[in-house]
Amino acid sequence: MLPFARVTVVGLGLIGSSIARAVRASMPTVRLTGYDADAEVRETARRIDLADDIADSAGAAVIDADLVILCVPVGAMGTAAASFAEELPAEAIVSDVGSCKASVAAALTEALPGATIVPAHPVAGTEQSGPEAGFATLFRHRWCILTPAADTDPLATERVAEFWRRLGADVETMDAEHHDRVLAITSHLPHLIAYTIVGTASDLEEVTKGEVIKYSAGGFRDFTRIAASDPTMWRDVFLTNREAVLEMLQRFSEDLSALQRAIRWGKGDELFDLFTRTRAVRRSIVEQGQDDAAADFGRSHE
């Protein structure tokens, strides 16, 4: 039995459009409705036949839904939820895909008093954006973390968990604050570092007469991929999860200072030990199926 019969996706960018495609691929009998605040995005979604119906208002999109998934930047969650609050069916479950959970849960609870809310975070994505960037297999063999409140109906949580399992994800449940600290180091800080390195390289372009870009090696090229992620989404992530990000950034700064000292004073053994530990981390990520062990990160050399 399907966990939901009528699903509404609010926000049709990379994640929202991937959910729509995955639902159609894995649960073809589900009635799928989409909505985006951008009229051009709605037209694109209609043109590519992304859902059974693309509504022209948030209220119309949710009016008969039994699951509503908010796929908008974390800073816009409350506003997006408020836009359909009056039309939301009493029995509907509301979820989201934001990478910050404590603040999103608070915003949704405030905008939708009395509603059943099961926050979620599929740990998947690319640097692309827009309704045409999505693909049905985005969530396959990736984690989706649910962060329900302590008093959330366990059946509602299980229904959302089963929905994500149907899309191919592995599901984990954890406390929202713990989630935010974990993601601050595994996702948010790496993005912040990537933005900083690429920004520094851009500032140096004049000094190096264009050679930073011209001779970009694999490491810098990988940073540019991360730094190409949606600016609105990541601005909201850093501002919304600021406490956890600042905590991890302070720890990173201390470790970076230690590395700087090791290089300055020629402490080769210290550098070797660090690089050995980090290499082991990479191997464990591959062993757990969270990345591909293909040479050169799977790049084609044809």
Protein backbone atom coordinates (compact mmCIF):
# COMPACT_ATOMS: atom_id res chain seq x y z
CA MET A 1 0.00 0.00 0.00
CA LEU A 2 1.29 3.46 -0.96
CA PRO A 3 2.07 5.81 1.93
CA PHE A 4 0.31 8.71 0.15
CA ALA A 5 -2.16 8.98 -2.72
CA ARG A 6 -1.96 12.72 -3.43
CA VAL A 7 1.40 14.50 -3.19
CA THR A 8 2.05 18.21 -3.68
CA VAL A 9 5.53 19.60 -4.29
CA VAL A 10 5.95 23.31 -3.56
CA GLY A 11 9.10 24.61 -5.22
CA LEU A 12 10.17 23.03 -8.51
CA GLY A 13 13.93 23.47 -8.57
CA LEU A 14 16.48 20.66 -8.58
CA ILE A 15 15.16 18.84 -5.51
CA GLY A 16 11.46 19.47 -6.12
CA SER A 17 11.63 18.40 -9.76
CA SER A 18 13.70 15.34 -8.82
CA ILE A 19 11.05 14.34 -6.26
CA ALA A 20 8.36 14.73 -8.93
CA ARG A 21 10.29 12.55 -11.37
CA ALA A 22 11.07 9.96 -8.72
CA VAL A 23 7.43 9.77 -7.62
CA ARG A 24 6.34 9.18 -11.21
CA ALA A 25 8.98 6.50 -11.64
CA SER A 26 8.41 4.62 -8.39
CA MET A 27 4.76 5.39 -7.54
CA PRO A 28 3.04 6.08 -10.88
CA THR A 29 -0.49 5.93 -9.45
CA VAL A 30 0.13 8.83 -7.05
CA ARG A 31 -1.68 12.03 -8.02
CA LEU A 32 1.12 14.59 -8.29
CA THR A 33 0.65 18.35 -8.12
CA GLY A 34 3.37 20.99 -8.40
CA TYR A 35 3.61 24.67 -7.64
CA ASP A 36 6.33 27.32 -7.84
CA ALA A 37 6.07 31.00 -7.00
CA ASP A 38 7.91 31.82 -10.24
CA ALA A 39 5.52 31.90 -13.22
CA GLU A 40 8.34 31.04 -15.65
CA VAL A 41 9.21 27.96 -13.63
CA ARG A 42 5.55 26.90 -13.67
CA GLU A 43 5.46 27.25 -17.45
CA THR A 44 8.63 25.19 -17.80
CA ALA A 45 7.17 22.52 -15.50
CA ARG A 46 4.04 22.34 -17.67
CA ARG A 47 6.10 22.15 -20.85
CA ILE A 48 8.16 19.20 -19.60
CA ASP A 49 5.06 17.52 -18.07
CA LEU A 50 6.62 17.42 -14.62
CA ALA A 51 3.39 16.64 -12.74
CA ASP A 52 -0.26 15.76 -13.31
CA ASP A 53 -1.13 19.36 -12.52
CA ILE A 54 0.85 22.58 -12.07
CA ALA A 55 -1.22 24.92 -9.95
CA ASP A 56 -1.16 28.71 -10.26
CA SER A 57 -1.38 29.29 -6.50
CA ALA A 58 -0.06 27.55 -3.42
CA GLY A 59 -3.55 27.20 -1.99
CA ALA A 60 -4.85 25.47 -5.09
CA ALA A 61 -1.84 23.14 -5.08
CA VAL A 62 -2.47 21.76 -1.59
CA ILE A 63 -6.26 21.75 -1.40
CA ASP A 64 -6.63 17.96 -1.72
CA ALA A 65 -3.11 16.81 -0.80
CA ASP A 66 -2.28 14.25 1.86
CA LEU A 67 1.47 15.04 1.68
CA VAL A 68 2.89 18.50 1.00
CA ILE A 69 6.66 18.82 0.52
CA LEU A 70 8.24 22.26 0.69
CA CYS A 71 11.26 22.48 -1.62
CA VAL A 72 12.16 26.15 -1.20
CA PRO A 73 15.20 27.87 0.36
CA VAL A 74 15.24 27.44 4.14
CA GLY A 75 14.79 31.17 4.65
CA ALA A 76 11.53 31.08 2.68
CA MET A 77 9.92 28.08 4.43
CA GLY A 78 7.69 30.06 6.77
CA THR A 79 6.43 32.40 4.04
CA ALA A 80 5.78 29.51 1.66
CA ALA A 81 3.87 27.57 4.32
CA ALA A 82 1.78 30.61 5.27
CA SER A 83 0.76 31.03 1.64
CA PHE A 84 -1.30 27.81 1.74
CA ALA A 85 -2.15 27.59 5.44
CA GLU A 86 -5.86 28.29 4.98
CA GLU A 87 -6.29 25.66 2.26
CA LEU A 88 -4.24 22.88 3.87
CA PRO A 89 -6.41 19.83 4.64
CA ALA A 90 -6.52 19.00 8.35
CA GLU A 91 -5.32 15.43 7.75
CA ALA A 92 -2.40 16.39 5.48
CA ILE A 93 1.22 15.84 6.50
CA VAL A 94 3.67 18.65 5.75
CA SER A 95 7.36 17.98 5.14
CA ASP A 96 10.30 19.77 3.57
CA VAL A 97 13.79 19.17 2.16
CA GLY A 98 15.82 21.89 3.89
CA SER A 99 19.35 21.25 5.12
CA CYS A 100 18.69 23.18 8.37
CA LYS A 101 16.10 21.49 10.56
CA ALA A 102 15.59 23.27 13.89
CA SER A 103 14.81 26.66 12.37
CA VAL A 104 12.66 25.16 9.61
CA ALA A 105 10.61 23.17 12.10
CA ALA A 106 10.01 26.33 14.12
CA ALA A 107 8.99 28.31 11.02
CA LEU A 108 6.60 25.62 9.81
CA THR A 109 5.04 25.18 13.24
CA GLU A 110 4.43 28.91 13.49
CA ALA A 111 2.95 29.17 9.99
CA LEU A 112 0.84 26.00 10.27
CA PRO A 113 -0.45 25.73 13.86
CA GLY A 114 -1.97 22.33 14.52
CA ALA A 115 -0.63 20.75 11.34
CA THR A 116 1.26 17.43 11.33
CA ILE A 117 4.84 18.30 10.40
CA VAL A 118 7.62 15.81 9.69
CA PRO A 119 10.76 17.72 8.64
CA ALA A 120 13.11 15.88 6.28
CA HIS A 121 16.47 16.42 4.63
CA PRO A 122 17.48 14.30 1.63
CA VAL A 123 21.27 14.50 1.63
CA ALA A 124 21.59 14.69 -2.14
CA GLY A 125 22.01 17.31 -4.81
CA THR A 126 24.13 18.74 -7.60
CA GLU A 127 25.37 22.22 -8.43
CA GLN A 128 22.59 22.56 -11.02
CA SER A 129 19.24 24.24 -10.39
CA GLY A 130 15.83 24.65 -12.00
CA PRO A 131 13.04 22.24 -13.01
CA GLU A 132 14.98 20.80 -15.93
CA ALA A 133 17.96 19.88 -13.72
CA GLY A 134 16.14 17.19 -11.73
CA PHE A 135 16.37 13.45 -12.28
CA ALA A 136 14.51 10.49 -10.81
CA THR A 137 17.54 8.69 -9.37
CA LEU A 138 18.94 11.63 -7.38
CA PHE A 139 17.96 10.09 -4.02
CA ARG A 140 18.88 6.49 -4.74
CA HIS A 141 21.28 5.10 -2.11
CA ARG A 142 21.47 8.50 -0.44
CA TRP A 143 20.44 9.34 3.12
CA CYS A 144 17.22 11.12 3.97
CA ILE A 145 17.22 12.35 7.57
CA LEU A 146 13.88 12.89 9.34
CA THR A 147 13.73 15.16 12.39
CA PRO A 148 10.21 14.89 13.85
CA ALA A 149 9.38 16.56 17.15
CA ALA A 150 9.09 14.30 20.20
CA ASP A 151 5.29 14.49 20.15
CA THR A 152 4.86 13.78 16.42
CA ASP A 153 2.56 10.88 15.57
CA PRO A 154 4.89 7.88 14.90
CA LEU A 155 2.59 6.74 12.08
CA ALA A 156 3.03 10.08 10.30
CA THR A 157 6.80 9.77 10.62
CA GLU A 158 6.72 6.22 9.27
CA ARG A 159 4.58 7.26 6.31
CA VAL A 160 7.11 9.94 5.36
CA ALA A 161 9.96 7.47 5.90
CA GLU A 162 8.29 4.96 3.60
CA PHE A 163 7.76 7.67 0.98
CA TRP A 164 11.50 8.33 0.89
CA ARG A 165 12.34 4.65 0.89
CA ARG A 166 10.13 4.29 -2.20
CA LEU A 167 12.28 6.98 -3.85
CA GLY A 168 15.37 4.85 -3.16
CA ALA A 169 16.72 6.66 -0.11
CA ASP A 170 18.07 5.21 3.12
CA VAL A 171 16.19 6.81 6.02
CA GLU A 172 17.55 7.90 9.39
CA THR A 173 15.79 9.75 12.23
CA MET A 174 17.54 12.15 14.60
CA ASP A 175 17.06 15.22 16.76
CA ALA A 176 16.87 18.48 14.76
CA GLU A 177 19.64 20.26 16.70
CA HIS A 178 21.94 17.25 16.35
CA HIS A 179 21.22 17.15 12.61
CA ASP A 180 22.21 20.81 12.27
CA ARG A 181 25.56 20.26 13.98
CA VAL A 182 26.33 17.17 11.88
CA LEU A 183 25.45 18.93 8.61
CA ALA A 184 27.40 22.02 9.62
CA ILE A 185 30.63 20.01 9.36
CA THR A 186 29.72 17.54 6.59
CA SER A 187 28.01 19.97 4.21
CA HIS A 188 27.79 23.59 5.25
CA LEU A 189 31.44 24.19 6.19
CA PRO A 190 32.79 22.50 3.00
CA HIS A 191 30.57 24.81 0.93
CA LEU A 192 31.79 27.83 2.89
CA ILE A 193 35.40 26.81 2.30
CA ALA A 194 34.74 26.28 -1.40
CA TYR A 195 33.15 29.71 -1.77
CA THR A 196 36.12 31.28 0.03
CA ILE A 197 38.81 29.52 -2.03
CA VAL A 198 37.14 30.27 -5.35
CA GLY A 199 36.58 33.87 -4.27
CA THR A 200 40.24 34.21 -3.33
CA ALA A 201 41.28 32.76 -6.68
CA SER A 202 39.02 35.23 -8.44
CA ASP A 203 40.65 38.10 -6.54
CA LEU A 204 44.08 36.82 -7.66
CA GLU A 205 43.19 36.63 -11.34
CA GLU A 206 44.62 40.08 -12.08
CA VAL A 207 47.85 39.31 -10.22
CA THR A 208 48.38 35.99 -12.03
CA LYS A 209 47.23 37.30 -15.45
CA GLY A 210 44.46 34.71 -15.74
CA GLU A 211 46.59 31.70 -14.87
CA VAL A 212 44.52 30.64 -11.85
CA ILE A 213 41.66 29.71 -14.15
CA LYS A 214 43.82 28.61 -17.09
CA TYR A 215 45.86 26.11 -15.09
CA SER A 216 43.19 24.94 -12.64
CA ALA A 217 44.15 21.51 -11.31
CA GLY A 218 41.71 18.87 -10.13
CA GLY A 219 41.50 20.10 -6.54
CA PHE A 220 40.56 23.67 -7.45
CA ARG A 221 38.21 22.44 -10.17
CA ASP A 222 36.29 20.37 -7.60
CA PHE A 223 35.96 23.42 -5.36
CA THR A 224 34.48 25.41 -8.26
CA ARG A 225 31.80 22.74 -8.73
CA ILE A 226 30.71 23.10 -5.11
CA ALA A 227 30.93 26.90 -5.31
CA ALA A 228 28.56 26.88 -8.30
CA SER A 229 25.66 25.82 -6.04
CA ASP A 230 22.54 27.97 -5.81
CA PRO A 231 23.47 31.28 -4.08
CA THR A 232 20.04 31.95 -2.60
CA MET A 233 19.82 28.51 -1.03
CA TRP A 234 23.29 28.68 0.53
CA ARG A 235 22.92 32.25 1.75
CA ASP A 236 19.85 31.10 3.67
CA VAL A 237 21.60 27.98 4.96
CA PHE A 238 24.48 29.92 6.52
CA LEU A 239 22.22 32.53 8.08
CA THR A 240 19.71 29.97 9.35
CA ASN A 241 22.24 27.52 10.79
CA ARG A 242 24.67 30.22 11.88
CA GLU A 243 25.40 28.95 15.40
CA ALA A 244 26.40 25.45 14.31
CA VAL A 245 28.32 26.77 11.30
CA LEU A 246 30.24 29.29 13.42
CA GLU A 247 31.06 26.57 15.95
CA MET A 248 32.49 24.31 13.25
CA LEU A 249 34.24 27.23 11.55
CA GLN A 250 36.02 28.06 14.82
CA ARG A 251 37.19 24.46 15.17
CA PHE A 252 38.34 24.45 11.55
CA SER A 253 40.22 27.73 12.06
CA GLU A 254 42.09 26.25 15.02
CA ASP A 255 43.01 23.14 13.04
CA LEU A 256 44.10 25.30 10.10
CA SER A 257 46.37 27.33 12.38
CA ALA A 258 47.96 24.09 13.63
CA LEU A 259 48.55 23.00 10.04
CA GLN A 260 50.09 26.38 9.25
CA ARG A 261 52.52 25.96 12.14
CA ALA A 262 53.44 22.45 11.03
CA ILE A 263 54.32 23.70 7.55
CA ARG A 264 56.23 26.72 8.87
CA TRP A 265 58.37 24.62 11.22
CA GLY A 266 58.88 21.72 8.83
CA LYS A 267 57.01 19.13 10.89
CA GLY A 268 56.81 16.47 8.19
CA ASP A 269 55.71 13.66 10.50
CA GLU A 270 52.75 15.75 11.72
CA LEU A 271 51.68 16.48 8.14
CA PHE A 272 52.07 12.84 7.13
CA ASP A 273 49.94 11.64 10.06
CA LEU A 274 47.17 14.11 9.22
CA PHE A 275 47.12 13.17 5.55
CA THR A 276 47.07 9.47 6.45
CA ARG A 277 44.03 9.98 8.69
CA THR A 278 42.16 11.99 6.06
CA ARG A 279 42.91 9.42 3.39
CA ALA A 280 41.31 6.79 5.61
CA VAL A 281 38.18 8.95 5.91
CA ARG A 282 37.88 9.05 2.12
CA ARG A 283 38.19 5.27 1.92
CA SER A 284 35.48 4.77 4.55
CA ILE A 285 33.08 7.05 2.61
CA VAL A 286 33.60 4.92 -0.50
CA GLU A 287 33.22 1.68 1.47
CA GLN A 288 29.85 2.88 2.85
CA GLY A 289 28.60 3.51 -0.69
CA GLN A 290 28.45 7.31 -0.34
CA ASP A 291 30.75 7.91 -3.32
CA ASP A 292 32.34 6.14 -6.27
CA ALA A 293 35.82 4.68 -6.06
CA ALA A 294 36.35 5.21 -9.81
CA ALA A 295 39.68 6.79 -10.72
CA ASP A 296 39.79 10.60 -10.96
CA PHE A 297 36.38 10.84 -9.23
CA GLY A 298 34.69 9.10 -12.13
CA ARG A 299 35.55 11.73 -14.72
CA SER A 300 35.38 10.69 -18.35
CA HIS A 301 38.63 11.04 -20.27
CA GLU A 302 37.24 10.27 -23.72
